[in-house]
Amino acid sequence: APARESFMETLRSCEVYDPASNTWAPCADLQMARAGSRVVAINDYCLAAVGGCDDVFGRAEMLPTVEVFDVTTGRWSLLDVQLSAPRTTAAVAALEDSRILVVGGAPSLSSAEVFHFPLGSSASS
C-alpha cells in the first residue's frame, strides 16, 4: 500500500523506546485500534491509553475506553470502567497518587474526570 494510505490507518500497534540504545521496538498491540488517544505513565509499572476514536476518516466513533499496559506482563488490558463521555484528543495527566486526570477533548467537551488506579473506578465533574 502507498505510504499515504498507511498513514491514514487507525492502528493497534505500539512501540517502546529504549533510551540506552536510542532504538524503538515493537511491543504488544492495543486491544482496540485508536487514533487521537492519549497515553500517560502511571507509577513505574503501567501506562494508560485514554479515549481516542476508532477511525481517522469517515464515520469515526469516539471511544470511552481506557486500556492499561502492564510492563511486568507486557500486555494491554481493557478496563471495565469507561470514561463518563467518549472523547478524543483530551488532555491527560498522571497525578502523584496513581490517579489520571482527563480534561476536555473533542467533541468540544468542557468536562473533566479522574480515574483511580489500580481499581479503574472514576469520578467525573
C-alpha atoms as a PDB file:
ATOM      1  CA  ALA A   1       0.000   0.000   0.000  1.00  0.00           C
ATOM      2  CA  PRO A   2       1.237   3.515  -0.719  1.00  0.00           C
ATOM      3  CA  ALA A   3       2.621   5.396   2.270  1.00  0.00           C
ATOM      4  CA  ARG A   4      -0.262   7.887   2.171  1.00  0.00           C
ATOM      5  CA  GLU A   5      -2.834   5.116   2.643  1.00  0.00           C
ATOM      6  CA  SER A   6      -0.854   3.540   5.506  1.00  0.00           C
ATOM      7  CA  PHE A   7      -0.571   6.932   7.188  1.00  0.00           C
ATOM      8  CA  MET A   8      -4.369   7.206   7.331  1.00  0.00           C
ATOM      9  CA  GLU A   9      -4.950   3.883   9.097  1.00  0.00           C
ATOM     10  CA  THR A  10      -6.074   3.633  12.701  1.00  0.00           C
ATOM     11  CA  LEU A  11      -3.650   1.254  14.412  1.00  0.00           C
ATOM     12  CA  ARG A  12      -3.441  -1.148  17.348  1.00  0.00           C
ATOM     13  CA  SER A  13       0.330  -1.462  17.115  1.00  0.00           C
ATOM     14  CA  CYS A  14       2.679   0.035  19.717  1.00  0.00           C
ATOM     15  CA  GLU A  15       6.393   0.542  20.098  1.00  0.00           C
ATOM     16  CA  VAL A  16       8.606   1.063  23.120  1.00  0.00           C
ATOM     17  CA  TYR A  17      11.626   3.376  23.189  1.00  0.00           C
ATOM     18  CA  ASP A  18      14.901   2.296  24.796  1.00  0.00           C
ATOM     19  CA  PRO A  19      16.902   5.435  25.648  1.00  0.00           C
ATOM     20  CA  ALA A  20      20.032   3.389  26.405  1.00  0.00           C
ATOM     21  CA  SER A  21      20.238   2.121  22.809  1.00  0.00           C
ATOM     22  CA  ASN A  22      18.279   5.005  21.232  1.00  0.00           C
ATOM     23  CA  THR A  23      16.017   2.485  19.460  1.00  0.00           C
ATOM     24  CA  TRP A  24      12.312   1.700  19.105  1.00  0.00           C
ATOM     25  CA  ALA A  25      10.994  -1.879  19.271  1.00  0.00           C
ATOM     26  CA  PRO A  26       7.503  -3.372  18.811  1.00  0.00           C
ATOM     27  CA  CYS A  27       5.525  -4.322  21.914  1.00  0.00           C
ATOM     28  CA  ALA A  28       2.068  -5.836  22.458  1.00  0.00           C
ATOM     29  CA  ASP A  29      -0.819  -4.463  20.396  1.00  0.00           C
ATOM     30  CA  LEU A  30      -3.618  -2.452  21.992  1.00  0.00           C
ATOM     31  CA  GLN A  31      -6.945  -4.275  22.426  1.00  0.00           C
ATOM     32  CA  MET A  32      -8.623  -1.667  20.160  1.00  0.00           C
ATOM     33  CA  ALA A  33      -7.327   0.423  17.256  1.00  0.00           C
ATOM     34  CA  ARG A  34      -7.137   4.074  18.365  1.00  0.00           C
ATOM     35  CA  ALA A  35      -6.441   7.461  16.813  1.00  0.00           C
ATOM     36  CA  GLY A  36      -6.242  10.631  18.915  1.00  0.00           C
ATOM     37  CA  SER A  37      -5.906   8.753  22.199  1.00  0.00           C
ATOM     38  CA  ARG A  38      -3.563   9.972  24.915  1.00  0.00           C
ATOM     39  CA  VAL A  39      -1.079   7.756  26.751  1.00  0.00           C
ATOM     40  CA  VAL A  40       0.228   8.552  30.206  1.00  0.00           C
ATOM     41  CA  ALA A  41       2.645   6.724  32.546  1.00  0.00           C
ATOM     42  CA  ILE A  42       1.183   5.628  35.885  1.00  0.00           C
ATOM     43  CA  ASN A  43       3.806   4.883  38.540  1.00  0.00           C
ATOM     44  CA  ASP A  44       6.733   2.864  37.246  1.00  0.00           C
ATOM     45  CA  TYR A  45       4.806  -0.179  36.092  1.00  0.00           C
ATOM     46  CA  CYS A  46       1.969   0.773  33.758  1.00  0.00           C
ATOM     47  CA  LEU A  47       0.723   3.054  31.003  1.00  0.00           C
ATOM     48  CA  ALA A  48      -2.854   4.080  30.273  1.00  0.00           C
ATOM     49  CA  ALA A  49      -4.239   4.744  26.769  1.00  0.00           C
ATOM     50  CA  VAL A  50      -7.250   7.021  27.223  1.00  0.00           C
ATOM     51  CA  GLY A  51     -10.092   7.571  24.735  1.00  0.00           C
ATOM     52  CA  GLY A  52      -9.463   8.337  21.080  1.00  0.00           C
ATOM     53  CA  CYS A  53     -11.523   7.357  18.071  1.00  0.00           C
ATOM     54  CA  ASP A  54     -11.770   4.166  16.053  1.00  0.00           C
ATOM     55  CA  ASP A  55     -11.210   5.691  12.611  1.00  0.00           C
ATOM     56  CA  VAL A  56      -9.184   8.588  11.255  1.00  0.00           C
ATOM     57  CA  PHE A  57     -11.589   9.457   8.454  1.00  0.00           C
ATOM     58  CA  GLY A  58     -15.162   8.659   7.555  1.00  0.00           C
ATOM     59  CA  ARG A  59     -17.551   7.806  10.356  1.00  0.00           C
ATOM     60  CA  ALA A  60     -15.187   7.982  13.332  1.00  0.00           C
ATOM     61  CA  GLU A  61     -16.640   6.746  16.616  1.00  0.00           C
ATOM     62  CA  MET A  62     -15.306   8.459  19.772  1.00  0.00           C
ATOM     63  CA  LEU A  63     -14.100   5.930  22.350  1.00  0.00           C
ATOM     64  CA  PRO A  64     -14.999   5.997  26.066  1.00  0.00           C
ATOM     65  CA  THR A  65     -12.495   3.240  26.819  1.00  0.00           C
ATOM     66  CA  VAL A  66      -9.227   3.080  28.750  1.00  0.00           C
ATOM     67  CA  GLU A  67      -6.550   0.430  28.269  1.00  0.00           C
ATOM     68  CA  VAL A  68      -3.697  -0.260  30.670  1.00  0.00           C
ATOM     69  CA  PHE A  69      -0.277  -1.627  29.700  1.00  0.00           C
ATOM     70  CA  ASP A  70       1.433  -3.596  32.469  1.00  0.00           C
ATOM     71  CA  VAL A  71       5.205  -3.519  31.964  1.00  0.00           C
ATOM     72  CA  THR A  72       5.646  -6.684  34.053  1.00  0.00           C
ATOM     73  CA  THR A  73       3.392  -8.787  31.775  1.00  0.00           C
ATOM     74  CA  GLY A  74       3.944  -6.808  28.571  1.00  0.00           C
ATOM     75  CA  ARG A  75       0.198  -6.799  27.830  1.00  0.00           C
ATOM     76  CA  TRP A  76      -2.601  -4.266  27.339  1.00  0.00           C
ATOM     77  CA  SER A  77      -5.894  -4.789  29.218  1.00  0.00           C
ATOM     78  CA  LEU A  78      -9.180  -3.047  28.536  1.00  0.00           C
ATOM     79  CA  LEU A  79     -10.661  -1.657  31.766  1.00  0.00           C
ATOM     80  CA  ASP A  80     -14.281  -2.486  32.616  1.00  0.00           C
ATOM     81  CA  VAL A  81     -14.867   1.109  33.739  1.00  0.00           C
ATOM     82  CA  GLN A  82     -15.216   3.664  30.933  1.00  0.00           C
ATOM     83  CA  LEU A  83     -14.906   7.433  30.635  1.00  0.00           C
ATOM     84  CA  SER A  84     -18.070   9.347  31.546  1.00  0.00           C
ATOM     85  CA  ALA A  85     -18.125  10.720  27.973  1.00  0.00           C
ATOM     86  CA  PRO A  86     -16.402   9.406  24.840  1.00  0.00           C
ATOM     87  CA  ARG A  87     -13.544  11.762  23.960  1.00  0.00           C
ATOM     88  CA  THR A  88     -10.539  12.125  21.706  1.00  0.00           C
ATOM     89  CA  THR A  89      -7.516  14.450  21.901  1.00  0.00           C
ATOM     90  CA  ALA A  90      -8.169  15.181  25.593  1.00  0.00           C
ATOM     91  CA  ALA A  91      -5.506  16.492  27.954  1.00  0.00           C
ATOM     92  CA  VAL A  92      -4.373  13.684  30.262  1.00  0.00           C
ATOM     93  CA  ALA A  93      -2.085  13.871  33.302  1.00  0.00           C
ATOM     94  CA  ALA A  94      -0.890  11.378  35.891  1.00  0.00           C
ATOM     95  CA  LEU A  95      -1.329  12.521  39.478  1.00  0.00           C
ATOM     96  CA  GLU A  96       1.017  11.529  42.322  1.00  0.00           C
ATOM     97  CA  ASP A  97      -1.401   9.049  43.888  1.00  0.00           C
ATOM     98  CA  SER A  98      -1.828   6.868  40.755  1.00  0.00           C
ATOM     99  CA  ARG A  99      -4.890   8.753  39.528  1.00  0.00           C
ATOM    100  CA  ILE A 100      -5.354  10.038  35.974  1.00  0.00           C
ATOM    101  CA  LEU A 101      -6.887  13.432  35.263  1.00  0.00           C
ATOM    102  CA  VAL A 102      -8.702  13.623  31.897  1.00  0.00           C
ATOM    103  CA  VAL A 103      -9.747  17.101  30.733  1.00  0.00           C
ATOM    104  CA  GLY A 104     -11.672  18.295  27.680  1.00  0.00           C
ATOM    105  CA  GLY A 105     -11.180  16.778  24.263  1.00  0.00           C
ATOM    106  CA  ALA A 106     -13.345  16.507  21.187  1.00  0.00           C
ATOM    107  CA  PRO A 107     -16.183  16.800  20.543  1.00  0.00           C
ATOM    108  CA  SER A 108     -15.950  20.174  22.348  1.00  0.00           C
ATOM    109  CA  LEU A 109     -16.008  18.816  25.895  1.00  0.00           C
ATOM    110  CA  SER A 110     -15.509  21.135  28.867  1.00  0.00           C
ATOM    111  CA  SER A 111     -15.791  18.352  31.450  1.00  0.00           C
ATOM    112  CA  ALA A 112     -13.062  16.664  33.472  1.00  0.00           C
ATOM    113  CA  GLU A 113     -12.826  13.338  35.256  1.00  0.00           C
ATOM    114  CA  VAL A 114     -10.391  11.441  37.438  1.00  0.00           C
ATOM    115  CA  PHE A 115      -9.582   7.736  37.140  1.00  0.00           C
ATOM    116  CA  HIS A 116      -8.374   5.972  40.288  1.00  0.00           C
ATOM    117  CA  PHE A 117      -5.813   3.201  39.843  1.00  0.00           C
ATOM    118  CA  PRO A 118      -5.398   0.290  40.210  1.00  0.00           C
ATOM    119  CA  LEU A 119      -9.144  -0.239  40.579  1.00  0.00           C
ATOM    120  CA  GLY A 120     -10.111   1.693  37.449  1.00  0.00           C
ATOM    121  CA  SER A 121     -13.005   3.462  39.161  1.00  0.00           C
ATOM    122  CA  SER A 122     -13.713   7.003  38.024  1.00  0.00           C
ATOM    123  CA  ALA A 123     -15.313  10.218  39.223  1.00  0.00           C
ATOM    124  CA  SER A 124     -16.365  12.958  36.816  1.00  0.00           C
ATOM    125  CA  SER A 125     -17.228  16.628  37.057  1.00  0.00           C
END
